[in-house]
Amino acid sequence: MIGAYLKDVITVVRHGARDQYGTEGATTDELMRGYIEWKTRLVLNIKGEEVLSSAGVLMRYDPTLTHEDKITIGGVEHLILAIELVRDFSVRGMKVYIQ
């Protein structure tokens, strides 16, 4: 059922692996489908601080997505503030709140 909503094309910018000095390596881009809901919402980030989110992106469950990754929509790169798991009757998904 979640798949019926995933009509918007987004790009997930995966963070690169860090070397022994803490420098981030090259990033990779991955095209995905999601449902973008432009709605301002107050969410808690990974540090426990209240931050303002400009949108929520519903997408299929991806266990490799972290807060270090970014989401690009329409050429604009957005930080990931919070990741929330959602469940349909038979499919797991996630809602990613972006800045």
N, C-alpha and C. Protein backbone atom coordinates (compact mmCIF):
# COMPACT_ATOMS: atom_id res chain seq x y z
N MET A 1 0.81 -1.19 0.00
CA MET A 1 0.00 0.00 0.00
C MET A 1 0.86 1.26 0.00
N ILE A 2 1.98 1.25 0.70
CA ILE A 2 2.86 2.42 0.73
C ILE A 2 3.37 2.74 -0.67
N GLY A 3 3.63 1.71 -1.47
CA GLY A 3 4.15 1.90 -2.81
C GLY A 3 3.25 2.73 -3.71
N ALA A 4 1.96 2.76 -3.44
CA ALA A 4 1.03 3.54 -4.26
C ALA A 4 1.25 5.04 -4.09
N TYR A 5 1.82 5.45 -2.97
CA TYR A 5 2.04 6.87 -2.70
C TYR A 5 3.40 7.37 -3.21
N LEU A 6 4.33 6.49 -3.47
CA LEU A 6 5.70 6.88 -3.80
C LEU A 6 5.81 7.33 -5.25
N LYS A 7 5.48 8.58 -5.52
CA LYS A 7 5.45 9.11 -6.88
C LYS A 7 6.52 10.17 -7.14
N ASP A 8 7.08 10.77 -6.09
CA ASP A 8 8.06 11.83 -6.25
C ASP A 8 9.47 11.24 -6.36
N VAL A 9 10.28 11.79 -7.25
CA VAL A 9 11.66 11.32 -7.42
C VAL A 9 12.56 12.14 -6.50
N ILE A 10 13.32 11.45 -5.66
CA ILE A 10 14.27 12.10 -4.77
C ILE A 10 15.64 11.46 -4.95
N THR A 11 16.66 12.14 -4.52
CA THR A 11 18.02 11.61 -4.57
C THR A 11 18.56 11.55 -3.15
N VAL A 12 19.01 10.37 -2.76
CA VAL A 12 19.64 10.20 -1.46
C VAL A 12 21.14 10.30 -1.68
N VAL A 13 21.77 11.26 -1.01
CA VAL A 13 23.22 11.45 -1.09
C VAL A 13 23.83 10.71 0.09
N ARG A 14 24.45 9.56 -0.20
CA ARG A 14 25.05 8.71 0.84
C ARG A 14 26.40 9.28 1.25
N HIS A 15 26.63 9.33 2.54
CA HIS A 15 27.91 9.85 3.03
C HIS A 15 29.02 8.87 2.72
N GLY A 16 30.21 9.40 2.57
CA GLY A 16 31.37 8.56 2.30
C GLY A 16 31.97 8.02 3.58
N ALA A 17 32.72 6.96 3.45
CA ALA A 17 33.39 6.37 4.61
C ALA A 17 34.50 7.31 5.09
N ARG A 18 34.69 7.36 6.38
CA ARG A 18 35.73 8.22 6.95
C ARG A 18 37.04 7.46 7.02
N ASP A 19 38.15 8.18 6.76
CA ASP A 19 39.46 7.55 6.84
C ASP A 19 40.00 7.65 8.28
N GLN A 20 41.24 7.27 8.48
CA GLN A 20 41.81 7.24 9.82
C GLN A 20 41.94 8.62 10.45
N TYR A 21 41.89 9.68 9.63
CA TYR A 21 42.00 11.05 10.14
C TYR A 21 40.64 11.72 10.32
N GLY A 22 39.55 11.01 10.02
CA GLY A 22 38.22 11.54 10.17
C GLY A 22 37.71 12.31 8.97
N THR A 23 38.46 12.31 7.88
CA THR A 23 38.03 13.00 6.67
C THR A 23 37.04 12.14 5.91
N GLU A 24 35.92 12.75 5.51
CA GLU A 24 34.88 12.00 4.80
C GLU A 24 35.30 11.74 3.36
N GLY A 25 35.04 10.55 2.87
CA GLY A 25 35.35 10.18 1.50
C GLY A 25 34.29 10.68 0.53
N ALA A 26 34.36 10.21 -0.70
CA ALA A 26 33.43 10.64 -1.74
C ALA A 26 32.02 10.14 -1.45
N THR A 27 31.02 10.98 -1.77
CA THR A 27 29.62 10.62 -1.58
C THR A 27 29.09 9.92 -2.83
N THR A 28 28.00 9.19 -2.67
CA THR A 28 27.34 8.55 -3.79
C THR A 28 25.88 8.98 -3.82
N ASP A 29 25.33 9.10 -5.02
CA ASP A 29 23.94 9.49 -5.20
C ASP A 29 23.11 8.27 -5.59
N GLU A 30 21.91 8.18 -5.03
CA GLU A 30 21.02 7.07 -5.32
C GLU A 30 19.61 7.62 -5.55
N LEU A 31 19.07 7.37 -6.73
CA LEU A 31 17.70 7.81 -7.03
C LEU A 31 16.70 6.88 -6.36
N MET A 32 15.68 7.48 -5.74
CA MET A 32 14.63 6.71 -5.08
C MET A 32 13.30 7.38 -5.32
N ARG A 33 12.25 6.70 -4.97
CA ARG A 33 10.90 7.26 -5.03
C ARG A 33 10.39 7.48 -3.62
N GLY A 34 9.62 8.54 -3.45
CA GLY A 34 9.07 8.84 -2.14
C GLY A 34 7.84 9.71 -2.31
N TYR A 35 7.23 10.04 -1.19
CA TYR A 35 6.09 10.95 -1.18
C TYR A 35 6.48 12.12 -0.30
N ILE A 36 6.58 13.31 -0.89
CA ILE A 36 7.01 14.50 -0.17
C ILE A 36 5.79 15.25 0.34
N GLU A 37 5.78 15.50 1.64
CA GLU A 37 4.70 16.25 2.25
C GLU A 37 5.31 17.53 2.83
N TRP A 38 5.12 18.65 2.11
CA TRP A 38 5.66 19.93 2.56
C TRP A 38 4.79 20.46 3.69
N LYS A 39 5.28 20.31 4.90
CA LYS A 39 4.52 20.71 6.08
C LYS A 39 5.51 21.01 7.19
N THR A 40 5.40 22.18 7.78
CA THR A 40 6.30 22.55 8.87
C THR A 40 5.91 21.80 10.13
N ARG A 41 6.91 21.24 10.78
CA ARG A 41 6.65 20.43 11.97
C ARG A 41 7.85 20.54 12.91
N LEU A 42 7.59 20.51 14.19
CA LEU A 42 8.63 20.54 15.21
C LEU A 42 8.98 19.09 15.56
N VAL A 43 10.25 18.71 15.36
CA VAL A 43 10.69 17.34 15.63
C VAL A 43 11.94 17.38 16.51
N LEU A 44 12.27 16.24 17.09
CA LEU A 44 13.49 16.10 17.85
C LEU A 44 14.57 15.52 16.95
N ASN A 45 15.76 16.14 16.94
CA ASN A 45 16.84 15.60 16.13
C ASN A 45 17.59 14.52 16.92
N ILE A 46 18.66 14.02 16.37
CA ILE A 46 19.39 12.92 16.99
C ILE A 46 20.04 13.32 18.32
N LYS A 47 20.28 14.63 18.50
CA LYS A 47 20.86 15.14 19.74
C LYS A 47 19.81 15.41 20.81
N GLY A 48 18.52 15.27 20.48
CA GLY A 48 17.44 15.51 21.42
C GLY A 48 16.97 16.96 21.44
N GLU A 49 17.44 17.76 20.49
CA GLU A 49 17.04 19.16 20.42
C GLU A 49 15.80 19.30 19.55
N GLU A 50 14.96 20.27 19.88
CA GLU A 50 13.78 20.55 19.05
C GLU A 50 14.21 21.40 17.86
N VAL A 51 13.90 20.93 16.65
CA VAL A 51 14.24 21.66 15.43
C VAL A 51 13.00 21.70 14.54
N LEU A 52 12.98 22.66 13.64
CA LEU A 52 11.86 22.84 12.74
C LEU A 52 12.12 22.10 11.43
N SER A 53 11.22 21.20 11.07
CA SER A 53 11.33 20.45 9.82
C SER A 53 10.42 21.09 8.78
N SER A 54 10.90 21.21 7.55
CA SER A 54 10.10 21.83 6.50
C SER A 54 9.29 20.81 5.71
N ALA A 55 9.66 19.52 5.78
CA ALA A 55 8.95 18.50 5.02
C ALA A 55 9.20 17.12 5.62
N GLY A 56 8.30 16.21 5.29
CA GLY A 56 8.46 14.81 5.62
C GLY A 56 8.42 14.00 4.34
N VAL A 57 9.32 13.04 4.21
CA VAL A 57 9.40 12.21 3.01
C VAL A 57 9.08 10.78 3.40
N LEU A 58 7.99 10.25 2.86
CA LEU A 58 7.61 8.85 3.07
C LEU A 58 8.34 8.02 2.03
N MET A 59 9.03 6.98 2.47
CA MET A 59 9.78 6.13 1.54
C MET A 59 9.83 4.71 2.06
N ARG A 60 10.25 3.81 1.19
CA ARG A 60 10.39 2.41 1.61
C ARG A 60 11.48 2.30 2.68
N TYR A 61 11.37 1.29 3.50
CA TYR A 61 12.33 1.09 4.59
C TYR A 61 13.71 0.83 4.03
N ASP A 62 14.69 1.56 4.52
CA ASP A 62 16.08 1.42 4.10
C ASP A 62 16.95 1.45 5.36
N PRO A 63 17.42 0.28 5.82
CA PRO A 63 18.17 0.25 7.07
C PRO A 63 19.54 0.93 6.99
N THR A 64 20.02 1.23 5.78
CA THR A 64 21.33 1.85 5.64
C THR A 64 21.28 3.38 5.68
N LEU A 65 20.09 3.97 5.68
CA LEU A 65 19.96 5.43 5.72
C LEU A 65 20.27 5.93 7.13
N THR A 66 21.15 6.92 7.22
CA THR A 66 21.54 7.48 8.52
C THR A 66 21.35 9.00 8.51
N HIS A 67 21.57 9.61 9.66
CA HIS A 67 21.45 11.06 9.78
C HIS A 67 22.61 11.79 9.09
N GLU A 68 23.66 11.08 8.74
CA GLU A 68 24.78 11.69 8.02
C GLU A 68 24.48 11.84 6.53
N ASP A 69 23.51 11.09 6.02
CA ASP A 69 23.13 11.20 4.61
C ASP A 69 22.30 12.46 4.40
N LYS A 70 22.08 12.82 3.14
CA LYS A 70 21.26 13.98 2.80
C LYS A 70 20.27 13.59 1.72
N ILE A 71 19.22 14.38 1.58
CA ILE A 71 18.21 14.13 0.54
C ILE A 71 18.14 15.35 -0.36
N THR A 72 18.22 15.11 -1.66
CA THR A 72 18.14 16.19 -2.64
C THR A 72 16.78 16.14 -3.33
N ILE A 73 16.08 17.29 -3.30
CA ILE A 73 14.78 17.42 -3.95
C ILE A 73 14.84 18.64 -4.83
N GLY A 74 14.64 18.45 -6.12
CA GLY A 74 14.64 19.57 -7.06
C GLY A 74 15.95 20.33 -7.08
N GLY A 75 17.07 19.65 -6.89
CA GLY A 75 18.37 20.29 -6.92
C GLY A 75 18.78 20.94 -5.61
N VAL A 76 17.95 20.89 -4.59
CA VAL A 76 18.26 21.48 -3.29
C VAL A 76 18.56 20.36 -2.30
N GLU A 77 19.70 20.46 -1.63
CA GLU A 77 20.12 19.44 -0.68
C GLU A 77 19.57 19.75 0.71
N HIS A 78 18.96 18.74 1.34
CA HIS A 78 18.34 18.90 2.65
C HIS A 78 19.00 17.96 3.66
N LEU A 79 19.18 18.44 4.89
CA LEU A 79 19.70 17.60 5.96
C LEU A 79 18.59 16.72 6.52
N ILE A 80 18.96 15.53 6.98
CA ILE A 80 18.01 14.63 7.61
C ILE A 80 17.98 14.94 9.10
N LEU A 81 16.81 15.31 9.61
CA LEU A 81 16.66 15.67 11.02
C LEU A 81 16.23 14.49 11.87
N ALA A 82 15.27 13.71 11.37
CA ALA A 82 14.73 12.59 12.14
C ALA A 82 14.25 11.51 11.19
N ILE A 83 14.33 10.27 11.63
CA ILE A 83 13.86 9.12 10.86
C ILE A 83 12.86 8.38 11.73
N GLU A 84 11.65 8.17 11.19
CA GLU A 84 10.57 7.52 11.94
C GLU A 84 10.09 6.31 11.15
N LEU A 85 9.97 5.18 11.79
CA LEU A 85 9.48 3.97 11.12
C LEU A 85 7.95 4.01 11.06
N VAL A 86 7.40 3.64 9.90
CA VAL A 86 5.96 3.52 9.72
C VAL A 86 5.67 2.13 9.19
N ARG A 87 4.45 1.67 9.41
CA ARG A 87 4.11 0.32 8.97
C ARG A 87 2.72 0.32 8.35
N ASP A 88 2.62 -0.35 7.21
CA ASP A 88 1.37 -0.58 6.52
C ASP A 88 0.92 -1.99 6.92
N PHE A 89 -0.08 -2.52 6.27
CA PHE A 89 -0.55 -3.86 6.59
C PHE A 89 0.54 -4.91 6.42
N SER A 90 1.31 -4.79 5.35
CA SER A 90 2.31 -5.82 5.08
C SER A 90 3.70 -5.25 4.78
N VAL A 91 3.83 -3.95 4.63
CA VAL A 91 5.09 -3.35 4.20
C VAL A 91 5.58 -2.37 5.27
N ARG A 92 6.89 -2.42 5.53
CA ARG A 92 7.47 -1.43 6.42
C ARG A 92 8.00 -0.27 5.59
N GLY A 93 7.89 0.90 6.11
CA GLY A 93 8.39 2.09 5.45
C GLY A 93 9.00 3.01 6.49
N MET A 94 9.36 4.20 6.07
CA MET A 94 9.90 5.17 7.00
C MET A 94 9.56 6.57 6.55
N LYS A 95 9.44 7.45 7.51
CA LYS A 95 9.20 8.85 7.23
C LYS A 95 10.44 9.60 7.68
N VAL A 96 11.02 10.32 6.75
CA VAL A 96 12.26 11.05 7.02
C VAL A 96 11.92 12.54 7.04
N TYR A 97 12.21 13.19 8.16
CA TYR A 97 11.97 14.61 8.28
C TYR A 97 13.23 15.37 7.90
N ILE A 98 13.07 16.37 7.01
CA ILE A 98 14.22 17.10 6.48
C ILE A 98 14.12 18.56 6.84
N GLN A 99 15.26 19.24 6.77
CA GLN A 99 15.33 20.66 7.07
C GLN A 99 15.13 21.48 5.83
